[in-house]
Amino acid sequence: MRAAIFLDRDGVLNQCEVRNGKPYAPRRLEDFHLFPDVAPSVERLRQAGYLLVVATNQPDIGNGLVSRDMVDAFHAELSGKLGLTEITLCPHRQDEGCDCRKPKPGMLVEAARRLDIELSASYMVGDRAGDVAAGKAAGCRTIFIDRAYEAEPRPVDPDVIALSLAEAVDVILTQTDNRTGTRHGH
């Protein structure tokens, strides 16, 4: 089994529009911009041998605010620029009660089954309380990227709080690798 880094999309990999203290996913390709530290950070994780899995709630699909084709275009751009192992998403509305929508762990558990991922050796990196809750429920270590959203609840007991993906990667790569017992350098 292999270790993975599960990454939330909006607010972790790409910038969000923040209105009234809440983050909103982009709805047009021209508004889809990666944070500057994302490509080098993801490359460091890949070089360290981690599988890279994006796990993202995309309720705008279910709410009819953005087409699945547009979200697929965002994901094609992400995959092309970052060389991800997989992108998995929940397209359901917030009120549908599905098993895949974070804070439930469904996306992580299913990806682990498909890709032979050891969840206890993996991390969930996200910018919202639901990301941390999903990671904990799946048995992953969790890293909360604090984007200081004023109208979002704080996560409950993330393992680490970081201010950027680059800072999160620094933490991951300096912790002991459970698979080999070695430490990754910077």
Protein backbone atom coordinates (compact mmCIF):
# COMPACT_ATOMS: atom_id res chain seq x y z
CA MET A 1 0.00 0.00 0.00
CA ARG A 2 1.11 3.54 -0.72
CA ALA A 3 0.72 6.87 1.02
CA ALA A 4 -1.19 9.71 -0.60
CA ILE A 5 -1.71 13.39 -0.15
CA PHE A 6 -5.40 14.21 -0.55
CA LEU A 7 -5.79 17.83 -1.61
CA ASP A 8 -8.88 19.95 -1.55
CA ARG A 9 -9.15 22.03 -4.74
CA ASP A 10 -10.65 25.47 -4.08
CA GLY A 11 -8.61 27.48 -1.57
CA VAL A 12 -5.75 24.96 -1.54
CA LEU A 13 -4.71 24.61 -5.19
CA ASN A 14 -6.61 27.47 -6.80
CA GLN A 15 -7.73 30.85 -5.60
CA CYS A 16 -11.32 31.47 -4.55
CA GLU A 17 -13.40 34.57 -4.64
CA VAL A 18 -14.11 35.51 -1.02
CA ARG A 19 -17.41 37.32 -0.48
CA ASN A 20 -18.66 38.25 3.00
CA GLY A 21 -15.97 36.04 4.55
CA LYS A 22 -16.92 32.90 2.57
CA PRO A 23 -14.91 31.31 -0.26
CA TYR A 24 -16.60 30.60 -3.60
CA ALA A 25 -15.30 28.33 -6.35
CA PRO A 26 -14.58 29.85 -9.75
CA ARG A 27 -17.24 29.26 -12.40
CA ARG A 28 -15.31 30.35 -15.52
CA LEU A 29 -11.97 29.09 -16.85
CA GLU A 30 -10.60 32.65 -16.98
CA ASP A 31 -11.19 32.91 -13.21
CA PHE A 32 -9.37 29.65 -12.43
CA HIS A 33 -5.91 30.60 -11.09
CA LEU A 34 -3.49 28.39 -9.15
CA PHE A 35 -1.72 29.83 -6.14
CA PRO A 36 1.93 30.59 -7.08
CA ASP A 37 3.34 27.97 -4.66
CA VAL A 38 1.18 25.09 -5.90
CA ALA A 39 3.17 23.63 -8.82
CA PRO A 40 6.53 23.49 -6.97
CA SER A 41 4.83 22.19 -3.82
CA VAL A 42 3.05 19.39 -5.66
CA GLU A 43 6.28 18.50 -7.45
CA ARG A 44 8.06 18.15 -4.10
CA LEU A 45 5.35 15.72 -2.94
CA ARG A 46 5.58 13.72 -6.17
CA GLN A 47 9.39 13.52 -5.85
CA ALA A 48 8.92 12.17 -2.31
CA GLY A 49 6.82 9.33 -3.73
CA TYR A 50 3.32 10.32 -2.66
CA LEU A 51 0.22 9.69 -4.74
CA LEU A 52 -1.57 13.00 -5.32
CA VAL A 53 -5.36 12.87 -5.16
CA VAL A 54 -7.63 15.90 -5.36
CA ALA A 55 -10.86 15.38 -3.39
CA THR A 56 -13.26 18.25 -3.98
CA ASN A 57 -16.88 19.09 -3.25
CA GLN A 58 -18.41 20.78 -6.30
CA PRO A 59 -22.03 21.51 -5.30
CA ASP A 60 -22.24 24.22 -7.97
CA ILE A 61 -22.78 21.34 -10.44
CA GLY A 62 -25.78 19.99 -8.54
CA ASN A 63 -27.05 23.52 -7.90
CA GLY A 64 -26.95 24.27 -11.65
CA LEU A 65 -24.45 27.12 -11.28
CA VAL A 66 -21.67 25.54 -13.34
CA SER A 67 -21.70 22.73 -15.90
CA ARG A 68 -19.91 19.43 -15.41
CA ASP A 69 -18.07 20.20 -18.67
CA MET A 70 -16.68 23.43 -17.15
CA VAL A 71 -15.54 21.60 -14.00
CA ASP A 72 -13.95 18.94 -16.23
CA ALA A 73 -12.10 21.76 -18.05
CA PHE A 74 -10.78 23.05 -14.70
CA HIS A 75 -9.63 19.55 -13.85
CA ALA A 76 -7.98 19.01 -17.23
CA GLU A 77 -5.98 22.17 -16.59
CA LEU A 78 -5.07 21.01 -13.07
CA SER A 79 -3.97 17.59 -14.29
CA GLY A 80 -1.98 19.09 -17.15
CA LYS A 81 -0.12 21.53 -14.92
CA LEU A 82 0.32 19.35 -11.84
CA GLY A 83 0.46 15.72 -13.02
CA LEU A 84 -1.98 14.51 -10.38
CA THR A 85 -2.67 10.83 -9.73
CA GLU A 86 -6.43 11.38 -9.70
CA ILE A 87 -9.14 13.99 -9.23
CA THR A 88 -12.28 12.81 -7.49
CA LEU A 89 -15.29 15.02 -6.89
CA CYS A 90 -18.70 15.17 -5.30
CA PRO A 91 -21.12 16.90 -7.71
CA HIS A 92 -24.08 16.79 -5.33
CA ARG A 93 -25.98 19.65 -3.74
CA GLN A 94 -25.34 20.36 -0.07
CA ASP A 95 -28.72 18.85 0.92
CA GLU A 96 -28.57 15.57 -1.03
CA GLY A 97 -27.18 13.46 1.82
CA CYS A 98 -24.69 11.56 -0.35
CA ASP A 99 -21.77 9.57 1.09
CA CYS A 100 -19.14 11.34 -1.01
CA ARG A 101 -19.57 14.95 0.15
CA LYS A 102 -17.01 16.09 2.69
CA PRO A 103 -17.14 16.12 5.74
CA LYS A 104 -18.03 12.47 5.05
CA PRO A 105 -14.95 10.41 4.10
CA GLY A 106 -16.47 8.68 1.05
CA MET A 107 -14.21 10.23 -1.62
CA LEU A 108 -11.07 9.42 0.35
CA VAL A 109 -12.13 5.87 1.22
CA GLU A 110 -13.13 5.09 -2.38
CA ALA A 111 -9.88 6.51 -3.78
CA ALA A 112 -7.93 4.48 -1.21
CA ARG A 113 -9.71 1.31 -2.31
CA ARG A 114 -9.13 1.99 -6.02
CA LEU A 115 -5.50 3.09 -5.69
CA ASP A 116 -4.35 0.82 -2.83
CA ILE A 117 -3.71 3.77 -0.49
CA GLU A 118 -2.85 3.31 3.18
CA LEU A 119 -5.03 6.00 4.78
CA SER A 120 -3.14 6.02 8.11
CA ALA A 121 0.06 6.99 6.25
CA SER A 122 -1.72 9.67 4.21
CA TYR A 123 -2.69 13.30 4.69
CA MET A 124 -5.79 15.35 3.89
CA VAL A 125 -4.92 18.99 3.17
CA GLY A 126 -7.79 21.46 3.10
CA ASP A 127 -8.90 25.00 3.86
CA ARG A 128 -12.27 24.25 5.47
CA ALA A 129 -13.60 22.37 8.49
CA GLY A 130 -15.22 19.71 6.28
CA ASP A 131 -11.85 18.82 4.76
CA VAL A 132 -10.34 18.19 8.18
CA ALA A 133 -13.40 16.23 9.34
CA ALA A 134 -13.29 14.02 6.22
CA GLY A 135 -9.58 13.37 6.69
CA LYS A 136 -10.05 12.45 10.34
CA ALA A 137 -13.04 10.20 9.54
CA ALA A 138 -10.95 8.41 6.90
CA GLY A 139 -8.05 7.91 9.33
CA CYS A 140 -5.65 10.36 7.65
CA ARG A 141 -3.46 12.96 9.26
CA THR A 142 -4.91 16.40 8.58
CA ILE A 143 -3.46 19.77 7.65
CA PHE A 144 -5.65 22.86 7.74
CA ILE A 145 -4.54 25.71 5.48
CA ASP A 146 -5.84 28.77 7.29
CA ARG A 147 -7.04 31.29 4.71
CA ALA A 148 -8.74 33.35 7.48
CA TYR A 149 -12.27 33.02 6.11
CA GLU A 150 -14.32 35.10 8.52
CA ALA A 151 -17.68 33.36 7.90
CA GLU A 152 -16.43 29.74 7.96
CA PRO A 153 -16.32 27.53 11.06
CA ARG A 154 -12.88 26.57 12.32
CA PRO A 155 -11.93 22.90 11.97
CA VAL A 156 -11.85 20.65 15.01
CA ASP A 157 -8.34 19.59 16.02
CA PRO A 158 -6.41 19.46 12.73
CA ASP A 159 -3.03 17.79 13.19
CA VAL A 160 -1.28 20.83 11.68
CA ILE A 161 -2.27 24.40 10.80
CA ALA A 162 -0.40 25.98 7.89
CA LEU A 163 -0.76 29.25 5.99
CA SER A 164 -0.04 27.86 2.50
CA LEU A 165 0.42 24.62 0.59
CA ALA A 166 4.18 25.21 0.58
CA GLU A 167 4.15 25.36 4.39
CA ALA A 168 2.01 22.20 4.54
CA VAL A 169 4.46 20.38 2.28
CA ASP A 170 7.37 21.45 4.50
CA VAL A 171 5.59 19.77 7.43
CA ILE A 172 4.80 16.59 5.48
CA LEU A 173 8.34 16.20 4.17
CA THR A 174 10.00 16.73 7.53
CA GLN A 175 7.91 14.12 9.33
CA THR A 176 9.15 10.55 9.47
CA ASP A 177 8.04 8.51 6.48
CA ASN A 178 6.13 5.53 7.89
CA ARG A 179 6.82 3.44 4.78
CA THR A 180 10.61 3.57 4.94
CA GLY A 181 11.48 5.02 8.35
CA THR A 182 13.54 7.71 6.63
CA ARG A 183 13.15 11.45 6.90
CA HIS A 184 12.68 13.57 3.82
CA GLY A 185 14.89 16.64 3.53
CA HIS A 186 13.87 20.05 2.23
